[in-house]
Amino acid sequence: MKAKALRLPDNLLDAVKFAEKRERLDEPTTLRKFLRLGAEKYVGDSYASGEISLREAAGILDITTREVLELFWDMGITGNVGAVETLRAFTFVEKKIAKERRA
């Protein structure tokens, strides 16, 4: 883990102090928690907008794809694959299965 020096606005420090007292955490732990929550939100938004894949999101957050999927579900982020793409995938698979049966 690397150490970084930051300048933080007073309102953010007030939020950190609030969380410290509420959760009985020290300041560094609270700051790491806030950064993690922000990173999860940022990556989740990037996934939801289709900028990155689920696998990329998992890699950035250093968790499994299943864990990131559950995290996004908990955050209310749905998959970035719509009905049209899903139907195309089913059609593709059906054609592939039919082709293999004929072979």
C-alpha atoms as a PDB file:
ATOM      1  CA  MET A   1       0.000   0.000   0.000  1.00  0.00           C
ATOM      2  CA  LYS A   2       1.305   3.449  -0.906  1.00  0.00           C
ATOM      3  CA  ALA A   3       1.002   6.600   1.178  1.00  0.00           C
ATOM      4  CA  LYS A   4      -0.468   9.704  -0.503  1.00  0.00           C
ATOM      5  CA  ALA A   5      -0.811  13.255   0.777  1.00  0.00           C
ATOM      6  CA  LEU A   6      -4.172  14.910   0.072  1.00  0.00           C
ATOM      7  CA  ARG A   7      -5.733  18.298   0.610  1.00  0.00           C
ATOM      8  CA  LEU A   8      -9.385  17.823   1.475  1.00  0.00           C
ATOM      9  CA  PRO A   9     -12.122  20.444   1.733  1.00  0.00           C
ATOM     10  CA  ASP A  10     -13.632  21.019   5.166  1.00  0.00           C
ATOM     11  CA  ASN A  11     -17.044  19.650   4.182  1.00  0.00           C
ATOM     12  CA  LEU A  12     -15.473  16.328   3.154  1.00  0.00           C
ATOM     13  CA  LEU A  13     -13.496  16.192   6.390  1.00  0.00           C
ATOM     14  CA  ASP A  14     -16.735  16.806   8.286  1.00  0.00           C
ATOM     15  CA  ALA A  15     -18.243  13.783   6.548  1.00  0.00           C
ATOM     16  CA  VAL A  16     -15.155  11.738   7.444  1.00  0.00           C
ATOM     17  CA  LYS A  17     -15.436  12.784  11.102  1.00  0.00           C
ATOM     18  CA  PHE A  18     -19.141  11.891  11.068  1.00  0.00           C
ATOM     19  CA  ALA A  19     -18.405   8.399   9.710  1.00  0.00           C
ATOM     20  CA  GLU A  20     -15.510   7.937  12.145  1.00  0.00           C
ATOM     21  CA  LYS A  21     -17.770   8.541  15.123  1.00  0.00           C
ATOM     22  CA  ARG A  22     -20.718   6.626  13.748  1.00  0.00           C
ATOM     23  CA  GLU A  23     -18.754   3.518  12.798  1.00  0.00           C
ATOM     24  CA  ARG A  24     -16.001   3.850  15.407  1.00  0.00           C
ATOM     25  CA  LEU A  25     -13.225   3.863  12.827  1.00  0.00           C
ATOM     26  CA  ASP A  26      -9.963   5.767  12.684  1.00  0.00           C
ATOM     27  CA  GLU A  27      -9.438   8.498  10.086  1.00  0.00           C
ATOM     28  CA  PRO A  28      -7.210   6.525   7.661  1.00  0.00           C
ATOM     29  CA  THR A  29      -9.639   3.592   7.622  1.00  0.00           C
ATOM     30  CA  THR A  30     -12.576   5.935   7.049  1.00  0.00           C
ATOM     31  CA  LEU A  31     -10.784   7.697   4.189  1.00  0.00           C
ATOM     32  CA  ARG A  32      -9.946   4.349   2.565  1.00  0.00           C
ATOM     33  CA  LYS A  33     -13.583   3.299   2.933  1.00  0.00           C
ATOM     34  CA  PHE A  34     -14.792   6.543   1.323  1.00  0.00           C
ATOM     35  CA  LEU A  35     -12.315   6.132  -1.535  1.00  0.00           C
ATOM     36  CA  ARG A  36     -13.435   2.542  -2.066  1.00  0.00           C
ATOM     37  CA  LEU A  37     -17.105   3.564  -2.124  1.00  0.00           C
ATOM     38  CA  GLY A  38     -16.308   6.325  -4.615  1.00  0.00           C
ATOM     39  CA  ALA A  39     -14.317   3.948  -6.798  1.00  0.00           C
ATOM     40  CA  GLU A  40     -17.150   1.404  -6.775  1.00  0.00           C
ATOM     41  CA  LYS A  41     -19.644   4.112  -7.784  1.00  0.00           C
ATOM     42  CA  TYR A  42     -17.381   5.443 -10.539  1.00  0.00           C
ATOM     43  CA  VAL A  43     -16.672   1.983 -11.959  1.00  0.00           C
ATOM     44  CA  GLY A  44     -20.355   1.053 -11.635  1.00  0.00           C
ATOM     45  CA  ASP A  45     -21.394   4.126 -13.603  1.00  0.00           C
ATOM     46  CA  SER A  46     -18.791   3.320 -16.265  1.00  0.00           C
ATOM     47  CA  TYR A  47     -20.157  -0.219 -16.527  1.00  0.00           C
ATOM     48  CA  ALA A  48     -23.786   0.939 -16.621  1.00  0.00           C
ATOM     49  CA  SER A  49     -23.033   3.329 -19.490  1.00  0.00           C
ATOM     50  CA  GLY A  50     -21.324   0.551 -21.460  1.00  0.00           C
ATOM     51  CA  GLU A  51     -17.843   2.085 -21.275  1.00  0.00           C
ATOM     52  CA  ILE A  52     -16.353  -1.009 -19.642  1.00  0.00           C
ATOM     53  CA  SER A  53     -17.264  -4.685 -19.401  1.00  0.00           C
ATOM     54  CA  LEU A  54     -18.143  -6.599 -16.266  1.00  0.00           C
ATOM     55  CA  ARG A  55     -14.762  -8.322 -16.454  1.00  0.00           C
ATOM     56  CA  GLU A  56     -12.973  -4.956 -16.699  1.00  0.00           C
ATOM     57  CA  ALA A  57     -14.965  -3.645 -13.722  1.00  0.00           C
ATOM     58  CA  ALA A  58     -13.971  -6.698 -11.694  1.00  0.00           C
ATOM     59  CA  GLY A  59     -10.323  -6.213 -12.630  1.00  0.00           C
ATOM     60  CA  ILE A  60     -10.333  -2.538 -11.649  1.00  0.00           C
ATOM     61  CA  LEU A  61     -11.991  -3.278  -8.309  1.00  0.00           C
ATOM     62  CA  ASP A  62      -9.846  -6.398  -7.784  1.00  0.00           C
ATOM     63  CA  ILE A  63     -12.799  -8.696  -7.091  1.00  0.00           C
ATOM     64  CA  THR A  64     -14.360 -11.607  -8.982  1.00  0.00           C
ATOM     65  CA  THR A  65     -16.934 -11.017 -11.701  1.00  0.00           C
ATOM     66  CA  ARG A  66     -19.566 -12.623  -9.480  1.00  0.00           C
ATOM     67  CA  GLU A  67     -18.692 -10.267  -6.631  1.00  0.00           C
ATOM     68  CA  VAL A  68     -18.825  -7.208  -8.886  1.00  0.00           C
ATOM     69  CA  LEU A  69     -22.167  -8.360 -10.296  1.00  0.00           C
ATOM     70  CA  GLU A  70     -23.581  -8.674  -6.769  1.00  0.00           C
ATOM     71  CA  LEU A  71     -22.083  -5.306  -5.806  1.00  0.00           C
ATOM     72  CA  PHE A  72     -23.713  -3.632  -8.795  1.00  0.00           C
ATOM     73  CA  TRP A  73     -27.050  -5.324  -8.032  1.00  0.00           C
ATOM     74  CA  ASP A  74     -26.830  -3.963  -4.473  1.00  0.00           C
ATOM     75  CA  MET A  75     -26.077  -0.514  -5.914  1.00  0.00           C
ATOM     76  CA  GLY A  76     -29.088  -0.743  -8.223  1.00  0.00           C
ATOM     77  CA  ILE A  77     -26.942  -0.959 -11.346  1.00  0.00           C
ATOM     78  CA  THR A  78     -28.425  -3.271 -13.921  1.00  0.00           C
ATOM     79  CA  GLY A  79     -26.528  -5.010 -16.670  1.00  0.00           C
ATOM     80  CA  ASN A  80     -25.525  -3.031 -19.714  1.00  0.00           C
ATOM     81  CA  VAL A  81     -26.853  -5.680 -22.100  1.00  0.00           C
ATOM     82  CA  GLY A  82     -30.330  -4.880 -23.331  1.00  0.00           C
ATOM     83  CA  ALA A  83     -33.123  -7.070 -24.622  1.00  0.00           C
ATOM     84  CA  VAL A  84     -32.034  -6.716 -28.257  1.00  0.00           C
ATOM     85  CA  GLU A  85     -28.510  -7.964 -27.507  1.00  0.00           C
ATOM     86  CA  THR A  86     -29.881 -10.808 -25.390  1.00  0.00           C
ATOM     87  CA  LEU A  87     -32.236 -11.949 -28.169  1.00  0.00           C
ATOM     88  CA  ARG A  88     -29.387 -11.793 -30.681  1.00  0.00           C
ATOM     89  CA  ALA A  89     -27.263 -13.964 -28.384  1.00  0.00           C
ATOM     90  CA  PHE A  90     -30.057 -16.527 -28.034  1.00  0.00           C
ATOM     91  CA  THR A  91     -30.582 -16.588 -31.798  1.00  0.00           C
ATOM     92  CA  PHE A  92     -26.848 -17.040 -32.346  1.00  0.00           C
ATOM     93  CA  VAL A  93     -26.707 -19.947 -29.891  1.00  0.00           C
ATOM     94  CA  GLU A  94     -29.801 -21.595 -31.398  1.00  0.00           C
ATOM     95  CA  LYS A  95     -28.278 -21.412 -34.902  1.00  0.00           C
ATOM     96  CA  LYS A  96     -24.978 -22.790 -33.641  1.00  0.00           C
ATOM     97  CA  ILE A  97     -26.713 -25.723 -31.908  1.00  0.00           C
ATOM     98  CA  ALA A  98     -28.816 -26.455 -35.001  1.00  0.00           C
ATOM     99  CA  LYS A  99     -25.694 -26.358 -37.188  1.00  0.00           C
ATOM    100  CA  GLU A 100     -23.848 -28.764 -34.880  1.00  0.00           C
ATOM    101  CA  ARG A 101     -26.768 -31.190 -34.866  1.00  0.00           C
ATOM    102  CA  ARG A 102     -26.748 -31.278 -38.685  1.00  0.00           C
ATOM    103  CA  ALA A 103     -23.018 -31.938 -38.790  1.00  0.00           C
END
